[in-house]
Amino acid sequence: MRVAAGVLLIILSVFYVVGGVGLFLGGAVVSGAGSLGKMAAEQAAKDGKEMPAETKAAMAELEKKGSGMGGMLLAYGGLMLLTAGIGIAGAVSLFQSKRQKLIFASGGMVAICLVVGLISGGFGIGTILSGVTAVLTFLAGKSIGAPAAA
């Protein structure tokens, strides 16, 4: 069970790295798009032109929505990257049958990503893999501290 949980943690960590980098970069782009309106207004002022009121209103709305959504994407991407790092460390600990608290921490981080993923993205193969990995990690971590059966 320890080897299976460790392998699943490594596979899930690879998925979390790819998804985390994508969300992190996507959040940066969305946050940057919010400041696009200010840059366009400054450029129009330099050229001596005035932006229409409709365009100013649209840019202000984009800035307001972009900063909030970009921040959420950055936070979730950071959580996924952190979980990937702790997951790999937990997998190594499972293979060595040591550091029970780190194994529980990695299972907990996977469970947190599972809950956030269910809230934000819905149900899919990634959530199933996360759930199975979290349960196996907790069970394997519990078996490390248990004495051997006679």
C-alpha atoms as a PDB file:
ATOM      1  CA  MET A   1       0.000   0.000   0.000  1.00  0.00           C
ATOM      2  CA  ARG A   2       2.913   2.349   0.729  1.00  0.00           C
ATOM      3  CA  VAL A   3       4.386   1.900  -2.722  1.00  0.00           C
ATOM      4  CA  ALA A   4       1.023   2.412  -4.420  1.00  0.00           C
ATOM      5  CA  ALA A   5       0.375   5.568  -2.399  1.00  0.00           C
ATOM      6  CA  GLY A   6       3.882   6.838  -3.172  1.00  0.00           C
ATOM      7  CA  VAL A   7       3.519   6.224  -6.900  1.00  0.00           C
ATOM      8  CA  LEU A   8       0.111   7.916  -6.946  1.00  0.00           C
ATOM      9  CA  LEU A   9       1.553  10.880  -5.038  1.00  0.00           C
ATOM     10  CA  ILE A  10       4.306  11.270  -7.620  1.00  0.00           C
ATOM     11  CA  ILE A  11       1.874  11.017 -10.552  1.00  0.00           C
ATOM     12  CA  LEU A  12      -0.475  13.502  -8.915  1.00  0.00           C
ATOM     13  CA  SER A  13       2.443  15.821  -8.154  1.00  0.00           C
ATOM     14  CA  VAL A  14       3.368  15.909 -11.841  1.00  0.00           C
ATOM     15  CA  PHE A  15      -0.228  16.857 -12.678  1.00  0.00           C
ATOM     16  CA  TYR A  16      -0.163  19.510  -9.955  1.00  0.00           C
ATOM     17  CA  VAL A  17       3.070  21.013 -11.306  1.00  0.00           C
ATOM     18  CA  VAL A  18       1.639  21.315 -14.816  1.00  0.00           C
ATOM     19  CA  GLY A  19      -1.702  22.649 -13.595  1.00  0.00           C
ATOM     20  CA  GLY A  20      -0.116  24.916 -11.002  1.00  0.00           C
ATOM     21  CA  VAL A  21       2.226  26.534 -13.506  1.00  0.00           C
ATOM     22  CA  GLY A  22      -0.667  27.027 -15.931  1.00  0.00           C
ATOM     23  CA  LEU A  23      -2.904  28.580 -13.291  1.00  0.00           C
ATOM     24  CA  PHE A  24      -0.076  30.709 -11.925  1.00  0.00           C
ATOM     25  CA  LEU A  25       0.788  32.095 -15.364  1.00  0.00           C
ATOM     26  CA  GLY A  26      -2.891  32.470 -16.246  1.00  0.00           C
ATOM     27  CA  GLY A  27      -3.469  34.460 -13.080  1.00  0.00           C
ATOM     28  CA  ALA A  28      -0.564  36.734 -13.927  1.00  0.00           C
ATOM     29  CA  VAL A  29      -1.941  37.320 -17.430  1.00  0.00           C
ATOM     30  CA  VAL A  30      -5.463  38.033 -16.151  1.00  0.00           C
ATOM     31  CA  SER A  31      -4.104  40.409 -13.505  1.00  0.00           C
ATOM     32  CA  GLY A  32      -1.997  42.113 -16.162  1.00  0.00           C
ATOM     33  CA  ALA A  33      -5.001  42.494 -18.453  1.00  0.00           C
ATOM     34  CA  GLY A  34      -6.660  44.526 -15.714  1.00  0.00           C
ATOM     35  CA  SER A  35      -3.925  47.157 -15.926  1.00  0.00           C
ATOM     36  CA  LEU A  36      -4.234  47.287 -19.706  1.00  0.00           C
ATOM     37  CA  GLY A  37      -6.899  49.991 -19.462  1.00  0.00           C
ATOM     38  CA  LYS A  38      -4.610  52.335 -17.535  1.00  0.00           C
ATOM     39  CA  MET A  39      -1.856  51.836 -20.075  1.00  0.00           C
ATOM     40  CA  ALA A  40      -4.244  52.510 -22.970  1.00  0.00           C
ATOM     41  CA  ALA A  41      -5.538  55.696 -21.302  1.00  0.00           C
ATOM     42  CA  GLU A  42      -1.995  56.927 -20.700  1.00  0.00           C
ATOM     43  CA  GLN A  43      -1.021  56.246 -24.304  1.00  0.00           C
ATOM     44  CA  ALA A  44      -4.127  58.043 -25.581  1.00  0.00           C
ATOM     45  CA  ALA A  45      -3.295  61.045 -23.371  1.00  0.00           C
ATOM     46  CA  LYS A  46       0.257  61.095 -24.777  1.00  0.00           C
ATOM     47  CA  ASP A  47      -1.118  61.089 -28.306  1.00  0.00           C
ATOM     48  CA  GLY A  48      -3.490  63.921 -27.407  1.00  0.00           C
ATOM     49  CA  LYS A  49      -6.628  61.819 -27.900  1.00  0.00           C
ATOM     50  CA  GLU A  50      -9.477  61.191 -25.500  1.00  0.00           C
ATOM     51  CA  MET A  51     -10.880  57.708 -24.933  1.00  0.00           C
ATOM     52  CA  PRO A  52     -14.655  57.406 -25.356  1.00  0.00           C
ATOM     53  CA  ALA A  53     -16.690  57.042 -22.146  1.00  0.00           C
ATOM     54  CA  GLU A  54     -17.876  53.565 -23.181  1.00  0.00           C
ATOM     55  CA  THR A  55     -14.303  52.376 -23.559  1.00  0.00           C
ATOM     56  CA  LYS A  56     -13.301  53.871 -20.207  1.00  0.00           C
ATOM     57  CA  ALA A  57     -16.213  52.099 -18.496  1.00  0.00           C
ATOM     58  CA  ALA A  58     -15.338  48.774 -20.138  1.00  0.00           C
ATOM     59  CA  MET A  59     -11.686  49.119 -19.144  1.00  0.00           C
ATOM     60  CA  ALA A  60     -12.633  49.962 -15.538  1.00  0.00           C
ATOM     61  CA  GLU A  61     -14.853  46.865 -15.347  1.00  0.00           C
ATOM     62  CA  LEU A  62     -12.094  44.692 -16.817  1.00  0.00           C
ATOM     63  CA  GLU A  63      -9.650  46.063 -14.250  1.00  0.00           C
ATOM     64  CA  LYS A  64     -12.010  45.344 -11.358  1.00  0.00           C
ATOM     65  CA  LYS A  65     -12.842  41.796 -12.452  1.00  0.00           C
ATOM     66  CA  GLY A  66      -9.337  40.975 -13.664  1.00  0.00           C
ATOM     67  CA  SER A  67      -7.573  41.771 -10.427  1.00  0.00           C
ATOM     68  CA  GLY A  68      -9.903  39.588  -8.331  1.00  0.00           C
ATOM     69  CA  MET A  69      -9.944  36.642 -10.714  1.00  0.00           C
ATOM     70  CA  GLY A  70      -6.210  36.881 -11.354  1.00  0.00           C
ATOM     71  CA  GLY A  71      -5.511  36.785  -7.643  1.00  0.00           C
ATOM     72  CA  MET A  72      -7.642  33.677  -7.196  1.00  0.00           C
ATOM     73  CA  LEU A  73      -5.873  31.919 -10.069  1.00  0.00           C
ATOM     74  CA  LEU A  74      -2.480  32.871  -8.645  1.00  0.00           C
ATOM     75  CA  ALA A  75      -3.453  31.564  -5.207  1.00  0.00           C
ATOM     76  CA  TYR A  76      -4.789  28.243  -6.505  1.00  0.00           C
ATOM     77  CA  GLY A  77      -1.737  27.795  -8.753  1.00  0.00           C
ATOM     78  CA  GLY A  78       0.547  28.461  -5.790  1.00  0.00           C
ATOM     79  CA  LEU A  79      -1.393  25.951  -3.677  1.00  0.00           C
ATOM     80  CA  MET A  80      -0.994  23.322  -6.387  1.00  0.00           C
ATOM     81  CA  LEU A  81       2.749  23.950  -6.686  1.00  0.00           C
ATOM     82  CA  LEU A  82       3.175  23.764  -2.910  1.00  0.00           C
ATOM     83  CA  THR A  83       1.169  20.539  -2.828  1.00  0.00           C
ATOM     84  CA  ALA A  84       3.341  19.070  -5.588  1.00  0.00           C
ATOM     85  CA  GLY A  85       6.516  19.717  -3.613  1.00  0.00           C
ATOM     86  CA  ILE A  86       5.129  18.337  -0.374  1.00  0.00           C
ATOM     87  CA  GLY A  87       3.627  15.390  -2.281  1.00  0.00           C
ATOM     88  CA  ILE A  88       6.977  14.363  -3.720  1.00  0.00           C
ATOM     89  CA  ALA A  89       8.581  14.618  -0.281  1.00  0.00           C
ATOM     90  CA  GLY A  90       5.717  12.530   1.117  1.00  0.00           C
ATOM     91  CA  ALA A  91       6.197   9.911  -1.592  1.00  0.00           C
ATOM     92  CA  VAL A  92       9.889   9.600  -0.743  1.00  0.00           C
ATOM     93  CA  SER A  93       8.951   9.237   2.929  1.00  0.00           C
ATOM     94  CA  LEU A  94       6.468   6.509   2.028  1.00  0.00           C
ATOM     95  CA  PHE A  95       9.128   4.600   0.105  1.00  0.00           C
ATOM     96  CA  GLN A  96      11.486   4.873   3.096  1.00  0.00           C
ATOM     97  CA  SER A  97       8.751   4.153   5.677  1.00  0.00           C
ATOM     98  CA  LYS A  98       9.811   7.200   7.690  1.00  0.00           C
ATOM     99  CA  ARG A  99       8.494  10.660   8.646  1.00  0.00           C
ATOM    100  CA  GLN A 100       4.862   9.852   9.370  1.00  0.00           C
ATOM    101  CA  LYS A 101       3.916  13.504   9.970  1.00  0.00           C
ATOM    102  CA  LEU A 102       5.208  14.525   6.547  1.00  0.00           C
ATOM    103  CA  ILE A 103       3.151  11.748   4.974  1.00  0.00           C
ATOM    104  CA  PHE A 104       0.048  12.992   6.766  1.00  0.00           C
ATOM    105  CA  ALA A 105       0.861  16.558   5.695  1.00  0.00           C
ATOM    106  CA  SER A 106       1.113  15.507   2.052  1.00  0.00           C
ATOM    107  CA  GLY A 107      -2.194  13.630   2.297  1.00  0.00           C
ATOM    108  CA  GLY A 108      -3.785  16.670   3.901  1.00  0.00           C
ATOM    109  CA  MET A 109      -2.527  18.994   1.171  1.00  0.00           C
ATOM    110  CA  VAL A 110      -3.903  16.648  -1.483  1.00  0.00           C
ATOM    111  CA  ALA A 111      -7.246  16.641   0.343  1.00  0.00           C
ATOM    112  CA  ILE A 112      -7.257  20.460   0.452  1.00  0.00           C
ATOM    113  CA  CYS A 113      -6.553  20.628  -3.296  1.00  0.00           C
ATOM    114  CA  LEU A 114      -9.328  18.087  -3.800  1.00  0.00           C
ATOM    115  CA  VAL A 115     -11.853  20.252  -1.951  1.00  0.00           C
ATOM    116  CA  VAL A 116     -10.775  23.440  -3.732  1.00  0.00           C
ATOM    117  CA  GLY A 117     -10.917  21.622  -7.068  1.00  0.00           C
ATOM    118  CA  LEU A 118     -14.407  20.337  -6.354  1.00  0.00           C
ATOM    119  CA  ILE A 119     -15.595  23.810  -5.418  1.00  0.00           C
ATOM    120  CA  SER A 120     -14.021  25.576  -8.382  1.00  0.00           C
ATOM    121  CA  GLY A 121     -13.910  23.055 -11.181  1.00  0.00           C
ATOM    122  CA  GLY A 122     -16.382  20.290 -10.500  1.00  0.00           C
ATOM    123  CA  PHE A 123     -16.035  16.530 -10.610  1.00  0.00           C
ATOM    124  CA  GLY A 124     -13.703  14.680 -12.973  1.00  0.00           C
ATOM    125  CA  ILE A 125     -10.897  12.174 -13.278  1.00  0.00           C
ATOM    126  CA  GLY A 126      -8.485  14.490 -11.457  1.00  0.00           C
ATOM    127  CA  THR A 127     -10.733  14.702  -8.422  1.00  0.00           C
ATOM    128  CA  ILE A 128     -11.119  10.930  -8.348  1.00  0.00           C
ATOM    129  CA  LEU A 129      -7.330  10.507  -8.509  1.00  0.00           C
ATOM    130  CA  SER A 130      -6.870  13.112  -5.775  1.00  0.00           C
ATOM    131  CA  GLY A 131      -9.420  11.433  -3.518  1.00  0.00           C
ATOM    132  CA  VAL A 132      -7.940   7.964  -3.951  1.00  0.00           C
ATOM    133  CA  THR A 133      -4.428   9.322  -3.394  1.00  0.00           C
ATOM    134  CA  ALA A 134      -5.423  11.200  -0.229  1.00  0.00           C
ATOM    135  CA  VAL A 135      -7.123   8.129   1.276  1.00  0.00           C
ATOM    136  CA  LEU A 136      -4.245   5.786   0.380  1.00  0.00           C
ATOM    137  CA  THR A 137      -1.702   8.264   1.740  1.00  0.00           C
ATOM    138  CA  PHE A 138      -3.493   8.520   5.083  1.00  0.00           C
ATOM    139  CA  LEU A 139      -3.862   4.741   5.346  1.00  0.00           C
ATOM    140  CA  ALA A 140      -0.234   4.119   4.404  1.00  0.00           C
ATOM    141  CA  GLY A 141       0.957   6.792   6.823  1.00  0.00           C
ATOM    142  CA  LYS A 142      -1.101   5.260   9.618  1.00  0.00           C
ATOM    143  CA  SER A 143       0.445   1.850   8.970  1.00  0.00           C
ATOM    144  CA  ILE A 144       3.963   3.233   9.410  1.00  0.00           C
ATOM    145  CA  GLY A 145       3.469   4.094  13.069  1.00  0.00           C
ATOM    146  CA  ALA A 146       1.578   0.877  13.850  1.00  0.00           C
ATOM    147  CA  PRO A 147       3.469  -2.046  15.354  1.00  0.00           C
ATOM    148  CA  ALA A 148       3.815  -5.161  13.219  1.00  0.00           C
ATOM    149  CA  ALA A 149       1.040  -7.722  13.610  1.00  0.00           C
ATOM    150  CA  ALA A 150       2.103 -10.926  15.310  1.00  0.00           C
END
